[in-house]
Amino acid sequence: MITIVLLVIIYIAFISLGLPDGIMGVSWPAMRIDFDLPLDQIGIISLVVTVSTVLSSILSGYIINKIGTGLVTIISVFFTAAALLGISLMPSFWWLLLFAFPLGFGAGSIDTALNNYVALHYKAIHMNWLHSFWGVGATLGPIIMSFTLLNSGWRNGFKTIAIIQFVFFGILLISLPLWKKAGIAKDEIEEPQNTKPSKFIV
């Protein structure tokens, strides 16, 4: 029963992972007008997010071994929520670059951690479902942003998605004991005996 509940929590976490992915492209035409920026300036933001995502993915193996998948997931969702809230309040473009770092870092860590955990502890079919829930988040994010752009502006779009992320953060925080009961601890990704698979499967 614990493993089933935990799987649902993981699905929720992947919805959270997908929510911010498409919103910058939807909101940028309005954002750039507010800050008097060229359209191609979004390329710098994308670069910062990508670099921080790759960096966190590279470091995630070490971090997971130190604090466990549960805490990595919780901290990553908090990073993305805080970054989105910061973007909704930012006074200038340079602040956007600053908040792009935790936005990318949180996404890279949670992606690697949960892919690894599901691959090691569940059947392959759950990996397919996992990424379909990412698709749910990636679809809902632009829909929410489009709706707020029409009614109250891009800042409220980021703020709304940040609030949703903080709700997910609360759910994950409450679920932390489940990770421990399911045996997810610092040594959770030890290689099984008599086999030699890679520790991390992305």
N, C-alpha and C. Protein backbone atom coordinates (compact mmCIF):
# COMPACT_ATOMS: atom_id res chain seq x y z
N MET A 1 0.83 -1.21 0.00
CA MET A 1 0.00 0.00 0.00
C MET A 1 0.87 1.26 0.00
N ILE A 2 1.94 1.24 0.80
CA ILE A 2 2.82 2.40 0.88
C ILE A 2 3.44 2.69 -0.48
N THR A 3 3.83 1.62 -1.20
CA THR A 3 4.46 1.82 -2.50
C THR A 3 3.49 2.43 -3.52
N ILE A 4 2.21 2.08 -3.41
CA ILE A 4 1.21 2.63 -4.32
C ILE A 4 1.00 4.13 -4.03
N VAL A 5 0.85 4.46 -2.75
CA VAL A 5 0.67 5.87 -2.36
C VAL A 5 1.90 6.68 -2.78
N LEU A 6 3.06 6.10 -2.58
CA LEU A 6 4.29 6.80 -2.94
C LEU A 6 4.37 7.02 -4.45
N LEU A 7 3.89 6.04 -5.21
CA LEU A 7 3.89 6.20 -6.66
C LEU A 7 2.99 7.35 -7.09
N VAL A 8 1.85 7.50 -6.43
CA VAL A 8 0.96 8.63 -6.71
C VAL A 8 1.66 9.95 -6.40
N ILE A 9 2.38 9.98 -5.28
CA ILE A 9 3.15 11.18 -4.91
C ILE A 9 4.19 11.50 -5.97
N ILE A 10 4.83 10.48 -6.50
CA ILE A 10 5.84 10.68 -7.54
C ILE A 10 5.19 11.23 -8.81
N TYR A 11 4.01 10.72 -9.14
CA TYR A 11 3.29 11.25 -10.31
C TYR A 11 2.98 12.74 -10.11
N ILE A 12 2.54 13.09 -8.90
CA ILE A 12 2.25 14.50 -8.60
C ILE A 12 3.52 15.34 -8.76
N ALA A 13 4.64 14.80 -8.31
CA ALA A 13 5.91 15.52 -8.42
C ALA A 13 6.27 15.76 -9.89
N PHE A 14 5.92 14.81 -10.76
CA PHE A 14 6.24 15.00 -12.17
C PHE A 14 5.29 15.98 -12.85
N ILE A 15 4.06 16.09 -12.35
CA ILE A 15 3.19 17.17 -12.83
C ILE A 15 3.83 18.51 -12.46
N SER A 16 4.33 18.58 -11.25
CA SER A 16 5.01 19.79 -10.78
C SER A 16 6.22 20.11 -11.65
N LEU A 17 6.95 19.07 -12.06
CA LEU A 17 8.13 19.26 -12.91
C LEU A 17 7.74 19.85 -14.27
N GLY A 18 6.60 19.43 -14.80
CA GLY A 18 6.20 19.88 -16.12
C GLY A 18 5.58 21.27 -16.16
N LEU A 19 4.99 21.70 -15.06
CA LEU A 19 4.25 22.97 -15.05
C LEU A 19 5.05 24.17 -15.56
N PRO A 20 6.30 24.39 -15.13
CA PRO A 20 7.01 25.60 -15.57
C PRO A 20 7.60 25.51 -16.97
N ASP A 21 7.60 24.32 -17.58
CA ASP A 21 8.42 24.12 -18.78
C ASP A 21 8.00 24.95 -19.99
N GLY A 22 6.71 25.18 -20.18
CA GLY A 22 6.29 25.91 -21.37
C GLY A 22 5.83 27.33 -21.14
N ILE A 23 5.88 27.79 -19.91
CA ILE A 23 5.24 29.08 -19.61
C ILE A 23 6.07 30.29 -20.04
N MET A 24 7.39 30.12 -20.10
CA MET A 24 8.22 31.26 -20.48
C MET A 24 7.96 31.68 -21.93
N GLY A 25 7.81 30.69 -22.81
CA GLY A 25 7.54 30.99 -24.20
C GLY A 25 6.21 31.70 -24.39
N VAL A 26 5.22 31.32 -23.57
CA VAL A 26 3.90 31.95 -23.66
C VAL A 26 3.93 33.38 -23.12
N SER A 27 4.65 33.58 -22.04
CA SER A 27 4.63 34.88 -21.35
C SER A 27 5.64 35.88 -21.90
N TRP A 28 6.67 35.41 -22.60
CA TRP A 28 7.76 36.30 -22.99
C TRP A 28 7.33 37.48 -23.86
N PRO A 29 6.44 37.31 -24.85
CA PRO A 29 6.03 38.48 -25.64
C PRO A 29 5.51 39.63 -24.79
N ALA A 30 4.78 39.32 -23.72
CA ALA A 30 4.28 40.36 -22.82
C ALA A 30 5.37 40.86 -21.88
N MET A 31 6.22 39.95 -21.40
CA MET A 31 7.28 40.32 -20.48
C MET A 31 8.28 41.25 -21.13
N ARG A 32 8.66 40.95 -22.37
CA ARG A 32 9.69 41.76 -23.03
C ARG A 32 9.21 43.18 -23.30
N ILE A 33 7.91 43.33 -23.52
CA ILE A 33 7.36 44.67 -23.72
C ILE A 33 7.46 45.48 -22.42
N ASP A 34 7.16 44.84 -21.30
CA ASP A 34 7.24 45.53 -20.00
C ASP A 34 8.66 45.99 -19.69
N PHE A 35 9.65 45.19 -20.11
CA PHE A 35 11.04 45.52 -19.79
C PHE A 35 11.80 46.11 -20.99
N ASP A 36 11.08 46.34 -22.11
CA ASP A 36 11.65 46.94 -23.31
C ASP A 36 12.87 46.14 -23.78
N LEU A 37 12.67 44.85 -24.03
CA LEU A 37 13.73 43.95 -24.43
C LEU A 37 13.44 43.38 -25.81
N PRO A 38 14.50 42.99 -26.56
CA PRO A 38 14.27 42.35 -27.87
C PRO A 38 13.71 40.93 -27.69
N LEU A 39 13.06 40.43 -28.71
CA LEU A 39 12.43 39.12 -28.64
C LEU A 39 13.44 38.01 -28.40
N ASP A 40 14.65 38.16 -28.99
CA ASP A 40 15.64 37.08 -28.88
C ASP A 40 16.36 37.04 -27.54
N GLN A 41 16.05 37.96 -26.64
CA GLN A 41 16.68 37.97 -25.31
C GLN A 41 16.29 36.74 -24.50
N ILE A 42 15.22 36.09 -24.89
CA ILE A 42 14.79 34.88 -24.17
C ILE A 42 15.82 33.77 -24.32
N GLY A 43 16.66 33.87 -25.36
CA GLY A 43 17.70 32.86 -25.55
C GLY A 43 18.67 32.82 -24.40
N ILE A 44 18.97 33.97 -23.80
CA ILE A 44 19.87 34.03 -22.65
C ILE A 44 19.25 33.32 -21.46
N ILE A 45 17.95 33.55 -21.26
CA ILE A 45 17.25 32.89 -20.15
C ILE A 45 17.25 31.37 -20.34
N SER A 46 16.97 30.95 -21.57
CA SER A 46 16.96 29.51 -21.86
C SER A 46 18.32 28.89 -21.61
N LEU A 47 19.37 29.63 -21.96
CA LEU A 47 20.73 29.13 -21.75
C LEU A 47 21.02 28.95 -20.26
N VAL A 48 20.64 29.94 -19.45
CA VAL A 48 20.88 29.86 -18.01
C VAL A 48 20.11 28.68 -17.40
N VAL A 49 18.85 28.53 -17.79
CA VAL A 49 18.04 27.42 -17.27
C VAL A 49 18.65 26.08 -17.68
N THR A 50 19.07 25.97 -18.94
CA THR A 50 19.64 24.72 -19.44
C THR A 50 20.93 24.37 -18.73
N VAL A 51 21.82 25.34 -18.58
CA VAL A 51 23.10 25.09 -17.91
C VAL A 51 22.89 24.65 -16.47
N SER A 52 22.00 25.33 -15.75
CA SER A 52 21.75 24.96 -14.35
C SER A 52 21.06 23.61 -14.25
N THR A 53 20.21 23.27 -15.23
CA THR A 53 19.58 21.95 -15.24
C THR A 53 20.61 20.85 -15.44
N VAL A 54 21.51 21.06 -16.40
CA VAL A 54 22.56 20.06 -16.65
C VAL A 54 23.47 19.92 -15.44
N LEU A 55 23.83 21.04 -14.83
CA LEU A 55 24.70 21.01 -13.65
C LEU A 55 24.05 20.23 -12.51
N SER A 56 22.77 20.48 -12.25
CA SER A 56 22.10 19.77 -11.16
C SER A 56 21.95 18.29 -11.47
N SER A 57 21.77 17.95 -12.75
CA SER A 57 21.68 16.55 -13.14
C SER A 57 23.00 15.83 -12.88
N ILE A 58 24.09 16.51 -13.18
CA ILE A 58 25.41 15.92 -12.96
C ILE A 58 25.67 15.70 -11.47
N LEU A 59 25.24 16.65 -10.65
CA LEU A 59 25.47 16.57 -9.21
C LEU A 59 24.44 15.72 -8.47
N SER A 60 23.36 15.37 -9.14
CA SER A 60 22.24 14.73 -8.45
C SER A 60 22.60 13.37 -7.84
N GLY A 61 23.48 12.61 -8.52
CA GLY A 61 23.88 11.32 -7.96
C GLY A 61 24.51 11.48 -6.58
N TYR A 62 25.40 12.43 -6.47
CA TYR A 62 26.05 12.70 -5.18
C TYR A 62 25.04 13.17 -4.15
N ILE A 63 24.14 14.07 -4.56
CA ILE A 63 23.16 14.64 -3.63
C ILE A 63 22.19 13.56 -3.15
N ILE A 64 21.72 12.71 -4.06
CA ILE A 64 20.79 11.64 -3.68
C ILE A 64 21.43 10.71 -2.67
N ASN A 65 22.68 10.36 -2.89
CA ASN A 65 23.38 9.49 -1.94
C ASN A 65 23.51 10.13 -0.56
N LYS A 66 23.58 11.45 -0.53
CA LYS A 66 23.76 12.15 0.74
C LYS A 66 22.45 12.32 1.51
N ILE A 67 21.39 12.71 0.82
CA ILE A 67 20.16 13.06 1.56
C ILE A 67 18.94 12.24 1.16
N GLY A 68 19.03 11.45 0.11
CA GLY A 68 17.91 10.60 -0.28
C GLY A 68 16.98 11.25 -1.29
N THR A 69 16.25 10.42 -2.02
CA THR A 69 15.37 10.90 -3.08
C THR A 69 14.25 11.79 -2.55
N GLY A 70 13.68 11.42 -1.40
CA GLY A 70 12.57 12.18 -0.85
C GLY A 70 12.92 13.64 -0.63
N LEU A 71 14.02 13.88 0.05
CA LEU A 71 14.44 15.27 0.33
C LEU A 71 14.84 15.99 -0.95
N VAL A 72 15.51 15.29 -1.87
CA VAL A 72 15.87 15.92 -3.14
C VAL A 72 14.63 16.40 -3.87
N THR A 73 13.59 15.58 -3.87
CA THR A 73 12.34 15.94 -4.54
C THR A 73 11.69 17.16 -3.88
N ILE A 74 11.62 17.14 -2.57
CA ILE A 74 10.99 18.24 -1.83
C ILE A 74 11.74 19.55 -2.05
N ILE A 75 13.06 19.51 -1.93
CA ILE A 75 13.88 20.71 -2.10
C ILE A 75 13.78 21.25 -3.53
N SER A 76 13.76 20.34 -4.50
CA SER A 76 13.68 20.75 -5.90
C SER A 76 12.38 21.47 -6.21
N VAL A 77 11.26 20.93 -5.70
CA VAL A 77 9.97 21.59 -5.91
C VAL A 77 9.95 22.96 -5.24
N PHE A 78 10.56 23.05 -4.06
CA PHE A 78 10.64 24.35 -3.38
C PHE A 78 11.44 25.34 -4.20
N PHE A 79 12.55 24.90 -4.79
CA PHE A 79 13.37 25.78 -5.63
C PHE A 79 12.56 26.34 -6.79
N THR A 80 11.82 25.46 -7.47
CA THR A 80 11.05 25.92 -8.63
C THR A 80 9.92 26.86 -8.20
N ALA A 81 9.27 26.53 -7.09
CA ALA A 81 8.19 27.39 -6.59
C ALA A 81 8.72 28.76 -6.22
N ALA A 82 9.84 28.80 -5.50
CA ALA A 82 10.42 30.08 -5.08
C ALA A 82 10.89 30.88 -6.29
N ALA A 83 11.46 30.20 -7.29
CA ALA A 83 11.92 30.90 -8.49
C ALA A 83 10.76 31.52 -9.25
N LEU A 84 9.66 30.77 -9.38
CA LEU A 84 8.49 31.30 -10.08
C LEU A 84 7.88 32.49 -9.35
N LEU A 85 7.83 32.39 -8.03
CA LEU A 85 7.32 33.51 -7.25
C LEU A 85 8.22 34.73 -7.40
N GLY A 86 9.53 34.48 -7.40
CA GLY A 86 10.48 35.58 -7.58
C GLY A 86 10.32 36.26 -8.93
N ILE A 87 10.11 35.47 -9.98
CA ILE A 87 9.91 36.03 -11.32
C ILE A 87 8.65 36.90 -11.36
N SER A 88 7.61 36.47 -10.65
CA SER A 88 6.37 37.24 -10.65
C SER A 88 6.53 38.61 -9.98
N LEU A 89 7.57 38.76 -9.16
CA LEU A 89 7.78 40.01 -8.42
C LEU A 89 8.98 40.81 -8.91
N MET A 90 9.71 40.29 -9.89
CA MET A 90 10.99 40.89 -10.28
C MET A 90 10.83 42.29 -10.86
N PRO A 91 11.76 43.19 -10.54
CA PRO A 91 11.68 44.56 -11.05
C PRO A 91 12.43 44.79 -12.35
N SER A 92 13.34 43.83 -12.73
CA SER A 92 14.13 44.03 -13.94
C SER A 92 14.55 42.69 -14.54
N PHE A 93 15.09 42.75 -15.76
CA PHE A 93 15.51 41.55 -16.48
C PHE A 93 16.60 40.79 -15.74
N TRP A 94 17.50 41.51 -15.07
CA TRP A 94 18.62 40.86 -14.40
C TRP A 94 18.15 39.97 -13.27
N TRP A 95 17.05 40.33 -12.66
CA TRP A 95 16.47 39.46 -11.64
C TRP A 95 15.94 38.17 -12.26
N LEU A 96 15.45 38.27 -13.47
CA LEU A 96 14.97 37.08 -14.17
C LEU A 96 16.12 36.10 -14.39
N LEU A 97 17.28 36.60 -14.76
CA LEU A 97 18.44 35.73 -14.93
C LEU A 97 18.82 35.07 -13.61
N LEU A 98 18.72 35.81 -12.51
CA LEU A 98 19.04 35.26 -11.20
C LEU A 98 18.08 34.12 -10.84
N PHE A 99 16.78 34.32 -11.04
CA PHE A 99 15.81 33.30 -10.69
C PHE A 99 15.82 32.12 -11.65
N ALA A 100 16.42 32.30 -12.83
CA ALA A 100 16.51 31.19 -13.78
C ALA A 100 17.40 30.08 -13.26
N PHE A 101 18.37 30.40 -12.40
CA PHE A 101 19.26 29.38 -11.84
C PHE A 101 18.51 28.37 -10.97
N PRO A 102 17.78 28.78 -9.92
CA PRO A 102 17.06 27.79 -9.12
C PRO A 102 15.95 27.11 -9.91
N LEU A 103 15.39 27.79 -10.91
CA LEU A 103 14.36 27.17 -11.74
C LEU A 103 14.93 25.97 -12.49
N GLY A 104 16.09 26.14 -13.09
CA GLY A 104 16.73 25.04 -13.81
C GLY A 104 17.31 24.00 -12.88
N PHE A 105 17.89 24.45 -11.77
CA PHE A 105 18.53 23.52 -10.84
C PHE A 105 17.49 22.58 -10.22
N GLY A 106 16.35 23.12 -9.84
CA GLY A 106 15.30 22.29 -9.27
C GLY A 106 14.77 21.27 -10.25
N ALA A 107 14.60 21.68 -11.50
CA ALA A 107 14.08 20.77 -12.53
C ALA A 107 15.04 19.62 -12.80
N GLY A 108 16.33 19.90 -12.88
CA GLY A 108 17.31 18.85 -13.16
C GLY A 108 17.41 17.83 -12.06
N SER A 109 17.37 18.28 -10.82
CA SER A 109 17.51 17.37 -9.68
C SER A 109 16.33 16.42 -9.55
N ILE A 110 15.12 16.98 -9.63
CA ILE A 110 13.93 16.15 -9.45
C ILE A 110 13.77 15.16 -10.60
N ASP A 111 14.14 15.58 -11.80
CA ASP A 111 14.02 14.71 -12.96
C ASP A 111 14.92 13.48 -12.80
N THR A 112 16.17 13.71 -12.48
CA THR A 112 17.12 12.61 -12.31
C THR A 112 16.74 11.72 -11.14
N ALA A 113 16.39 12.32 -10.02
CA ALA A 113 16.09 11.55 -8.81
C ALA A 113 14.90 10.62 -9.00
N LEU A 114 13.82 11.13 -9.57
CA LEU A 114 12.60 10.32 -9.70
C LEU A 114 12.70 9.31 -10.83
N ASN A 115 13.36 9.68 -11.93
CA ASN A 115 13.60 8.69 -12.98
C ASN A 115 14.40 7.51 -12.44
N ASN A 116 15.43 7.82 -11.67
CA ASN A 116 16.26 6.77 -11.08
C ASN A 116 15.46 5.90 -10.14
N TYR A 117 14.66 6.52 -9.27
CA TYR A 117 13.92 5.75 -8.28
C TYR A 117 12.87 4.84 -8.91
N VAL A 118 12.11 5.39 -9.85
CA VAL A 118 11.07 4.58 -10.50
C VAL A 118 11.70 3.44 -11.30
N ALA A 119 12.81 3.70 -11.97
CA ALA A 119 13.48 2.66 -12.75
C ALA A 119 13.97 1.52 -11.86
N LEU A 120 14.38 1.85 -10.64
CA LEU A 120 14.93 0.83 -9.75
C LEU A 120 13.87 0.09 -8.93
N HIS A 121 12.72 0.72 -8.67
CA HIS A 121 11.77 0.17 -7.72
C HIS A 121 10.40 -0.19 -8.29
N TYR A 122 10.12 0.17 -9.53
CA TYR A 122 8.81 -0.13 -10.12
C TYR A 122 8.98 -0.78 -11.49
N LYS A 123 7.89 -1.33 -12.00
CA LYS A 123 7.89 -1.94 -13.33
C LYS A 123 8.07 -0.87 -14.40
N ALA A 124 8.50 -1.31 -15.58
CA ALA A 124 8.80 -0.37 -16.66
C ALA A 124 7.59 0.44 -17.07
N ILE A 125 6.39 -0.12 -16.97
CA ILE A 125 5.19 0.60 -17.39
C ILE A 125 4.99 1.90 -16.60
N HIS A 126 5.46 1.89 -15.35
CA HIS A 126 5.30 3.10 -14.52
C HIS A 126 6.20 4.23 -15.00
N MET A 127 7.30 3.89 -15.67
CA MET A 127 8.14 4.93 -16.24
C MET A 127 7.40 5.68 -17.36
N ASN A 128 6.62 4.92 -18.15
CA ASN A 128 5.81 5.56 -19.19
C ASN A 128 4.76 6.49 -18.58
N TRP A 129 4.10 6.00 -17.54
CA TRP A 129 3.09 6.82 -16.87
C TRP A 129 3.72 8.06 -16.23
N LEU A 130 4.92 7.87 -15.70
CA LEU A 130 5.63 8.98 -15.06
C LEU A 130 5.78 10.15 -16.03
N HIS A 131 6.23 9.84 -17.24
CA HIS A 131 6.46 10.91 -18.20
C HIS A 131 5.16 11.43 -18.81
N SER A 132 4.12 10.62 -18.78
CA SER A 132 2.82 11.14 -19.23
C SER A 132 2.30 12.19 -18.24
N PHE A 133 2.62 12.02 -16.95
CA PHE A 133 2.21 13.02 -15.97
C PHE A 133 3.04 14.30 -16.12
N TRP A 134 4.28 14.15 -16.56
CA TRP A 134 5.04 15.36 -16.92
C TRP A 134 4.31 16.11 -18.03
N GLY A 135 3.78 15.36 -18.99
CA GLY A 135 3.03 15.97 -20.08
C GLY A 135 1.79 16.71 -19.60
N VAL A 136 1.15 16.17 -18.55
CA VAL A 136 0.00 16.85 -17.96
C VAL A 136 0.42 18.23 -17.45
N GLY A 137 1.52 18.26 -16.70
CA GLY A 137 2.02 19.53 -16.17
C GLY A 137 2.44 20.48 -17.28
N ALA A 138 3.14 19.95 -18.30
CA ALA A 138 3.62 20.78 -19.40
C ALA A 138 2.48 21.34 -20.24
N THR A 139 1.33 20.66 -20.20
CA THR A 139 0.14 21.15 -20.91
C THR A 139 -0.60 22.19 -20.07
N LEU A 140 -0.74 21.92 -18.78
CA LEU A 140 -1.49 22.83 -17.90
C LEU A 140 -0.78 24.17 -17.71
N GLY A 141 0.56 24.15 -17.65
CA GLY A 141 1.30 25.39 -17.42
C GLY A 141 0.97 26.48 -18.43
N PRO A 142 1.14 26.21 -19.74
CA PRO A 142 0.80 27.24 -20.73
C PRO A 142 -0.68 27.63 -20.73
N ILE A 143 -1.57 26.67 -20.42
CA ILE A 143 -2.99 26.99 -20.35
C ILE A 143 -3.26 28.00 -19.24
N ILE A 144 -2.67 27.76 -18.08
CA ILE A 144 -2.84 28.68 -16.94
C ILE A 144 -2.26 30.05 -17.28
N MET A 145 -1.06 30.05 -17.88
CA MET A 145 -0.41 31.32 -18.23
C MET A 145 -1.23 32.08 -19.27
N SER A 146 -1.75 31.38 -20.27
CA SER A 146 -2.56 32.04 -21.30
C SER A 146 -3.81 32.67 -20.69
N PHE A 147 -4.44 31.96 -19.79
CA PHE A 147 -5.65 32.47 -19.15
C PHE A 147 -5.35 33.74 -18.35
N THR A 148 -4.28 33.72 -17.58
CA THR A 148 -3.95 34.90 -16.77
C THR A 148 -3.46 36.06 -17.63
N LEU A 149 -2.80 35.77 -18.75
CA LEU A 149 -2.38 36.84 -19.66
C LEU A 149 -3.59 37.60 -20.20
N LEU A 150 -4.64 36.87 -20.46
CA LEU A 150 -5.85 37.50 -20.99
C LEU A 150 -6.61 38.29 -19.93
N ASN A 151 -6.44 37.90 -18.66
CA ASN A 151 -7.26 38.49 -17.61
C ASN A 151 -6.52 39.40 -16.63
N SER A 152 -5.29 39.04 -16.30
CA SER A 152 -4.62 39.82 -15.25
C SER A 152 -3.11 39.99 -15.44
N GLY A 153 -2.55 39.53 -16.55
CA GLY A 153 -1.13 39.77 -16.81
C GLY A 153 -0.23 38.59 -16.49
N TRP A 154 1.00 38.66 -17.02
CA TRP A 154 1.94 37.55 -16.88
C TRP A 154 2.42 37.37 -15.44
N ARG A 155 2.50 38.45 -14.68
CA ARG A 155 2.96 38.32 -13.29
C ARG A 155 2.02 37.41 -12.49
N ASN A 156 0.74 37.58 -12.67
CA ASN A 156 -0.21 36.71 -11.97
C ASN A 156 -0.15 35.28 -12.48
N GLY A 157 0.26 35.11 -13.73
CA GLY A 157 0.44 33.77 -14.27
C GLY A 157 1.55 33.03 -13.53
N PHE A 158 2.70 33.70 -13.38
CA PHE A 158 3.80 33.09 -12.63
C PHE A 158 3.42 32.88 -11.17
N LYS A 159 2.70 33.85 -10.62
CA LYS A 159 2.30 33.75 -9.22
C LYS A 159 1.34 32.57 -9.00
N THR A 160 0.41 32.39 -9.92
CA THR A 160 -0.55 31.28 -9.81
C THR A 160 0.15 29.94 -9.86
N ILE A 161 1.07 29.79 -10.81
CA ILE A 161 1.79 28.52 -10.94
C ILE A 161 2.72 28.32 -9.74
N ALA A 162 3.28 29.41 -9.21
CA ALA A 162 4.10 29.30 -8.01
C ALA A 162 3.28 28.80 -6.83
N ILE A 163 2.05 29.30 -6.69
CA ILE A 163 1.18 28.84 -5.60
C ILE A 163 0.87 27.36 -5.74
N ILE A 164 0.60 26.91 -6.97
CA ILE A 164 0.35 25.49 -7.21
C ILE A 164 1.59 24.68 -6.83
N GLN A 165 2.77 25.19 -7.18
CA GLN A 165 4.01 24.49 -6.83
C GLN A 165 4.19 24.42 -5.30
N PHE A 166 3.85 25.48 -4.60
CA PHE A 166 3.95 25.46 -3.15
C PHE A 166 2.97 24.46 -2.53
N VAL A 167 1.79 24.30 -3.15
CA VAL A 167 0.85 23.27 -2.70
C VAL A 167 1.46 21.89 -2.88
N PHE A 168 2.07 21.66 -4.05
CA PHE A 168 2.75 20.39 -4.29
C PHE A 168 3.89 20.19 -3.28
N PHE A 169 4.60 21.28 -2.99
CA PHE A 169 5.67 21.21 -2.00
C PHE A 169 5.12 20.75 -0.64
N GLY A 170 3.97 21.30 -0.25
CA GLY A 170 3.35 20.89 1.02
C GLY A 170 2.97 19.43 1.02
N ILE A 171 2.41 18.95 -0.09
CA ILE A 171 2.03 17.54 -0.19
C ILE A 171 3.26 16.64 -0.06
N LEU A 172 4.32 17.03 -0.77
CA LEU A 172 5.55 16.24 -0.71
C LEU A 172 6.18 16.27 0.67
N LEU A 173 6.11 17.42 1.33
CA LEU A 173 6.67 17.54 2.67
C LEU A 173 5.94 16.61 3.65
N ILE A 174 4.61 16.57 3.55
CA ILE A 174 3.82 15.69 4.40
C ILE A 174 4.13 14.22 4.11
N SER A 175 4.47 13.94 2.85
CA SER A 175 4.71 12.54 2.45
C SER A 175 6.10 12.03 2.80
N LEU A 176 6.95 12.88 3.35
CA LEU A 176 8.34 12.48 3.63
C LEU A 176 8.45 11.19 4.44
N PRO A 177 7.62 10.98 5.48
CA PRO A 177 7.70 9.70 6.21
C PRO A 177 7.46 8.48 5.32
N LEU A 178 6.66 8.62 4.26
CA LEU A 178 6.41 7.50 3.36
C LEU A 178 7.68 7.04 2.66
N TRP A 179 8.51 8.02 2.29
CA TRP A 179 9.78 7.68 1.63
C TRP A 179 10.64 6.85 2.58
N LYS A 180 10.64 7.22 3.84
CA LYS A 180 11.46 6.48 4.81
C LYS A 180 10.89 5.09 5.06
N LYS A 181 9.57 4.99 5.15
CA LYS A 181 8.94 3.68 5.37
C LYS A 181 9.15 2.75 4.18
N ALA A 182 9.24 3.34 3.00
CA ALA A 182 9.45 2.53 1.80
C ALA A 182 10.91 2.14 1.63
N GLY A 183 11.73 2.54 2.58
CA GLY A 183 13.13 2.16 2.55
C GLY A 183 14.00 3.07 1.73
N ILE A 184 13.53 4.30 1.46
CA ILE A 184 14.33 5.24 0.69
C ILE A 184 15.16 6.06 1.66
N ALA A 185 16.40 5.71 1.79
CA ALA A 185 17.30 6.40 2.70
C ALA A 185 18.57 6.75 1.95
N LYS A 186 19.59 7.12 2.69
CA LYS A 186 20.83 7.54 2.04
C LYS A 186 21.47 6.42 1.23
N ASP A 187 21.25 5.17 1.63
CA ASP A 187 21.85 4.05 0.93
C ASP A 187 20.84 3.38 0.00
N GLU A 188 19.83 4.10 -0.40
CA GLU A 188 18.72 3.53 -1.16
C GLU A 188 19.11 2.98 -2.51
N ILE A 189 20.18 3.46 -3.10
CA ILE A 189 20.49 3.07 -4.45
C ILE A 189 21.72 2.19 -4.52
N GLU A 190 21.91 1.37 -3.50
CA GLU A 190 22.98 0.39 -3.55
C GLU A 190 22.69 -0.62 -4.64
N GLU A 191 23.70 -1.10 -5.29
CA GLU A 191 23.51 -2.06 -6.36
C GLU A 191 23.04 -3.39 -5.77
N PRO A 192 22.07 -4.07 -6.43
CA PRO A 192 21.63 -5.38 -5.96
C PRO A 192 22.77 -6.38 -6.01
N GLN A 193 22.73 -7.36 -5.14
CA GLN A 193 23.76 -8.38 -5.11
C GLN A 193 23.70 -9.23 -6.38
N ASN A 194 24.87 -9.70 -6.82
CA ASN A 194 25.02 -10.58 -7.97
C ASN A 194 24.67 -9.92 -9.30
N THR A 195 24.50 -8.60 -9.30
CA THR A 195 24.26 -7.88 -10.55
C THR A 195 25.15 -6.67 -10.58
N LYS A 196 25.35 -6.14 -11.78
CA LYS A 196 26.22 -4.98 -11.91
C LYS A 196 25.58 -3.92 -12.81
N PRO A 197 24.39 -3.45 -12.41
CA PRO A 197 23.76 -2.37 -13.21
C PRO A 197 24.36 -1.03 -12.83
N SER A 198 24.10 -0.05 -13.67
CA SER A 198 24.50 1.31 -13.33
C SER A 198 23.66 1.79 -12.16
N LYS A 199 24.27 2.60 -11.32
CA LYS A 199 23.54 3.12 -10.16
C LYS A 199 22.38 3.99 -10.58
N PHE A 200 22.59 4.83 -11.57
CA PHE A 200 21.57 5.80 -11.93
C PHE A 200 21.09 5.57 -13.34
N ILE A 201 19.79 5.50 -13.48
CA ILE A 201 19.17 5.33 -14.79
C ILE A 201 18.35 6.56 -15.07
N VAL A 202 18.66 7.28 -16.10
CA VAL A 202 17.95 8.53 -16.39
C VAL A 202 17.00 8.32 -17.56
